[in-house]
Amino acid sequence: TEALFQISEKKPYPEQAYWVDGNYVILKFKARGKVDDAEFVAQKDAIVNYLARTKKTETIKAWIEGSKATLVKDGRLEFTRDFKDL
C-alpha cells in the first residue's frame, strides 16, 4: 500500500519494485478516477473488515517474530532443521 501513496500523474512509478509471491512487481499510475459514492457505501463495510483483518494479521505476525527472536536469543528455542526442508 505504501507504493500507492508514492505514485501520481507527475510521478507514475514508485521508487522501487516490490517482491510479491516470488515475483517482482512494478506499479504504474494509470489514471485518476472519480469515486462512485453509492458503490463506496455498498463496499464500505467489506473494506473496513478487510483492513481490520489485515492489521490484525500483521500485528500477530510481528508479535510471533518478536517472541521467536526473544526465545532464540534466550536459548529457549532452537531450530534443528531448516523450515525449507520440511
C-alpha atoms as a PDB file:
ATOM      1  CA  THR A   1       0.000   0.000   0.000  1.00  0.00           C
ATOM      2  CA  GLU A   2       2.918   2.359   0.579  1.00  0.00           C
ATOM      3  CA  ALA A   3       3.617   2.351  -3.177  1.00  0.00           C
ATOM      4  CA  LEU A   4       0.148   3.711  -3.851  1.00  0.00           C
ATOM      5  CA  PHE A   5       0.995   6.856  -1.908  1.00  0.00           C
ATOM      6  CA  GLN A   6       4.239   7.333  -3.871  1.00  0.00           C
ATOM      7  CA  ILE A   7       2.744   7.423  -7.362  1.00  0.00           C
ATOM      8  CA  SER A   8       0.814  10.206  -9.096  1.00  0.00           C
ATOM      9  CA  GLU A   9       0.245  11.702 -12.535  1.00  0.00           C
ATOM     10  CA  LYS A  10       3.586  13.530 -12.268  1.00  0.00           C
ATOM     11  CA  LYS A  11       5.451  10.520 -10.855  1.00  0.00           C
ATOM     12  CA  PRO A  12       3.881   7.377 -12.378  1.00  0.00           C
ATOM     13  CA  TYR A  13       6.354   4.863 -10.888  1.00  0.00           C
ATOM     14  CA  PRO A  14       7.284   4.224  -7.228  1.00  0.00           C
ATOM     15  CA  GLU A  15      10.911   4.355  -6.105  1.00  0.00           C
ATOM     16  CA  GLN A  16      11.279   0.569  -6.051  1.00  0.00           C
ATOM     17  CA  ALA A  17       9.866  -2.688  -7.347  1.00  0.00           C
ATOM     18  CA  TYR A  18       8.064  -4.942  -4.860  1.00  0.00           C
ATOM     19  CA  TRP A  19       8.546  -8.664  -4.215  1.00  0.00           C
ATOM     20  CA  VAL A  20       5.139 -10.398  -4.310  1.00  0.00           C
ATOM     21  CA  ASP A  21       4.661 -14.183  -4.294  1.00  0.00           C
ATOM     22  CA  GLY A  22       8.111 -14.899  -5.717  1.00  0.00           C
ATOM     23  CA  ASN A  23       7.997 -12.219  -8.421  1.00  0.00           C
ATOM     24  CA  TYR A  24       8.965  -8.577  -8.674  1.00  0.00           C
ATOM     25  CA  VAL A  25       6.049  -6.236  -9.338  1.00  0.00           C
ATOM     26  CA  ILE A  26       6.369  -2.749 -10.806  1.00  0.00           C
ATOM     27  CA  LEU A  27       3.398  -0.454 -10.362  1.00  0.00           C
ATOM     28  CA  LYS A  28       2.456   2.341 -12.749  1.00  0.00           C
ATOM     29  CA  PHE A  29      -0.062   5.119 -12.226  1.00  0.00           C
ATOM     30  CA  LYS A  30      -2.703   4.737 -14.920  1.00  0.00           C
ATOM     31  CA  ALA A  31      -5.393   7.343 -14.278  1.00  0.00           C
ATOM     32  CA  ARG A  32      -7.198   9.178 -11.545  1.00  0.00           C
ATOM     33  CA  GLY A  33     -10.878   8.323 -11.416  1.00  0.00           C
ATOM     34  CA  LYS A  34     -13.969   9.568  -9.667  1.00  0.00           C
ATOM     35  CA  VAL A  35     -15.338   7.714  -6.670  1.00  0.00           C
ATOM     36  CA  ASP A  36     -18.891   6.446  -7.018  1.00  0.00           C
ATOM     37  CA  ASP A  37     -20.461   7.249  -3.641  1.00  0.00           C
ATOM     38  CA  ALA A  38     -23.161   4.590  -3.960  1.00  0.00           C
ATOM     39  CA  GLU A  39     -20.606   1.901  -4.776  1.00  0.00           C
ATOM     40  CA  PHE A  40     -18.352   3.039  -1.923  1.00  0.00           C
ATOM     41  CA  VAL A  41     -21.207   2.909   0.595  1.00  0.00           C
ATOM     42  CA  ALA A  42     -22.070  -0.596  -0.595  1.00  0.00           C
ATOM     43  CA  GLN A  43     -18.464  -1.766  -0.161  1.00  0.00           C
ATOM     44  CA  LYS A  44     -17.512   0.295   2.895  1.00  0.00           C
ATOM     45  CA  ASP A  45     -18.150  -2.457   5.470  1.00  0.00           C
ATOM     46  CA  ALA A  46     -16.211  -5.010   3.425  1.00  0.00           C
ATOM     47  CA  ILE A  47     -13.279  -2.586   3.082  1.00  0.00           C
ATOM     48  CA  VAL A  48     -13.265  -1.812   6.813  1.00  0.00           C
ATOM     49  CA  ASN A  49     -13.371  -5.533   7.666  1.00  0.00           C
ATOM     50  CA  TYR A  50     -10.559  -6.308   5.209  1.00  0.00           C
ATOM     51  CA  LEU A  51      -8.332  -3.564   6.612  1.00  0.00           C
ATOM     52  CA  ALA A  52      -9.046  -4.645  10.205  1.00  0.00           C
ATOM     53  CA  ARG A  53      -8.178  -8.283   9.394  1.00  0.00           C
ATOM     54  CA  THR A  54      -5.011  -7.187   7.597  1.00  0.00           C
ATOM     55  CA  LYS A  55      -3.907  -5.056  10.539  1.00  0.00           C
ATOM     56  CA  LYS A  56      -4.664  -7.871  12.989  1.00  0.00           C
ATOM     57  CA  THR A  57      -2.690 -10.355  10.885  1.00  0.00           C
ATOM     58  CA  GLU A  58       0.309  -8.020  10.637  1.00  0.00           C
ATOM     59  CA  THR A  59       0.211  -7.392  14.392  1.00  0.00           C
ATOM     60  CA  ILE A  60       0.106 -11.111  15.176  1.00  0.00           C
ATOM     61  CA  LYS A  61       2.949 -11.855  12.739  1.00  0.00           C
ATOM     62  CA  ALA A  62       5.095  -9.118  14.300  1.00  0.00           C
ATOM     63  CA  TRP A  63       4.356 -10.466  17.783  1.00  0.00           C
ATOM     64  CA  ILE A  64       5.239 -14.030  16.744  1.00  0.00           C
ATOM     65  CA  GLU A  65       8.509 -12.930  15.121  1.00  0.00           C
ATOM     66  CA  GLY A  66       9.414 -10.856  18.185  1.00  0.00           C
ATOM     67  CA  SER A  67       8.611 -13.729  20.538  1.00  0.00           C
ATOM     68  CA  LYS A  68      10.574 -16.159  18.381  1.00  0.00           C
ATOM     69  CA  ALA A  69      13.603 -13.855  18.306  1.00  0.00           C
ATOM     70  CA  THR A  70      13.480 -13.456  22.088  1.00  0.00           C
ATOM     71  CA  LEU A  71      13.203 -17.211  22.657  1.00  0.00           C
ATOM     72  CA  VAL A  72      16.134 -17.893  20.325  1.00  0.00           C
ATOM     73  CA  LYS A  73      18.205 -15.178  21.999  1.00  0.00           C
ATOM     74  CA  ASP A  74      17.441 -16.586  25.463  1.00  0.00           C
ATOM     75  CA  GLY A  75      18.306 -20.094  24.291  1.00  0.00           C
ATOM     76  CA  ARG A  76      14.810 -21.429  24.960  1.00  0.00           C
ATOM     77  CA  LEU A  77      14.130 -22.121  21.271  1.00  0.00           C
ATOM     78  CA  GLU A  78      16.461 -23.951  18.931  1.00  0.00           C
ATOM     79  CA  PHE A  79      15.970 -24.910  15.299  1.00  0.00           C
ATOM     80  CA  THR A  80      17.414 -28.289  14.387  1.00  0.00           C
ATOM     81  CA  ARG A  81      16.167 -28.326  10.770  1.00  0.00           C
ATOM     82  CA  ASP A  82      15.601 -25.624   8.228  1.00  0.00           C
ATOM     83  CA  PHE A  83      11.914 -24.967   7.567  1.00  0.00           C
ATOM     84  CA  LYS A  84      12.533 -25.324   3.831  1.00  0.00           C
ATOM     85  CA  ASP A  85      13.435 -28.977   4.407  1.00  0.00           C
ATOM     86  CA  LEU A  86      10.044 -29.794   5.950  1.00  0.00           C
END
